[in-house]
Amino acid sequence: LHSAPRGAVPISPSGTTVVCGSCHTSLIQQWQSFQLADVPVLQRLYVVPINQDTSAHHSSQHSLHDEQTPVSTEHLPEPKTSHEACFLCGKECRGDIRVVYAQAGVGKSRTVMYFPFINMLPCPPNAQRVRNGRVHCCSQCHSLLEDIWGEYRLSLSED
C-alpha cells in the first residue's frame, strides 16, 4: 500500500521478494490470524510496517501468495486532526480521509464494502482505532480496496 523503499527488490513473477525479518514476522502473524479466522483470500489485506530497517543483511526471501482486500465509500472531507494517519498503511491522510467498514452493518446496502480482517490489524501511530465497526484510511488505500472489492464481487457473481 506504500511505495517500496529505495533499493528494494521488486516482487518476482513467481510472487517472491526480499523482506526484513521484522516484516516477515509481521506478515506471518497476519497470515496466521487470517487463516484462524477463516477470512477469504480476497478479503485479506496485509499491512507492511513503514519505516523499517531495510538493510540487506537482515533480509530473507519469502513468498506472498495471498491477495489483498477492500473497504467502503464514505468520505470525510475534513479530518478531525490534521496529522491523522491511515489505519491501513500508517501514512498521514493529508486532509483526505475515507471511511472503511470492518463489518457488515444492519441497514447497509449489500454493495457497501466491508473487511472483517481490519479488526485484527494493529492500530498505527496517529491513526484512530476501530470505532463503531469502521476506520479511517487514505484515498490511495481506499482506491486499492475499491478495486479489490470489485474483483471480490465479480468472483461471487461467477459462482
Foldseek 3Di string as FASTA:
>chain_A
DDDDDPPFFDQDPQQKGKDFPVQVVQQVVLVVVCVVVVPDLLLAAREGAPPDDGDPVRIDMDGDDGDHAAFFAAWDQADPDQQAAFQRHRHGQRRTKGKGFLDDDPPDDPLGHHHVSSQVGDGHPRFDHQDPRMGIGHPVRNVVNVVSSVVVVVVVVVD
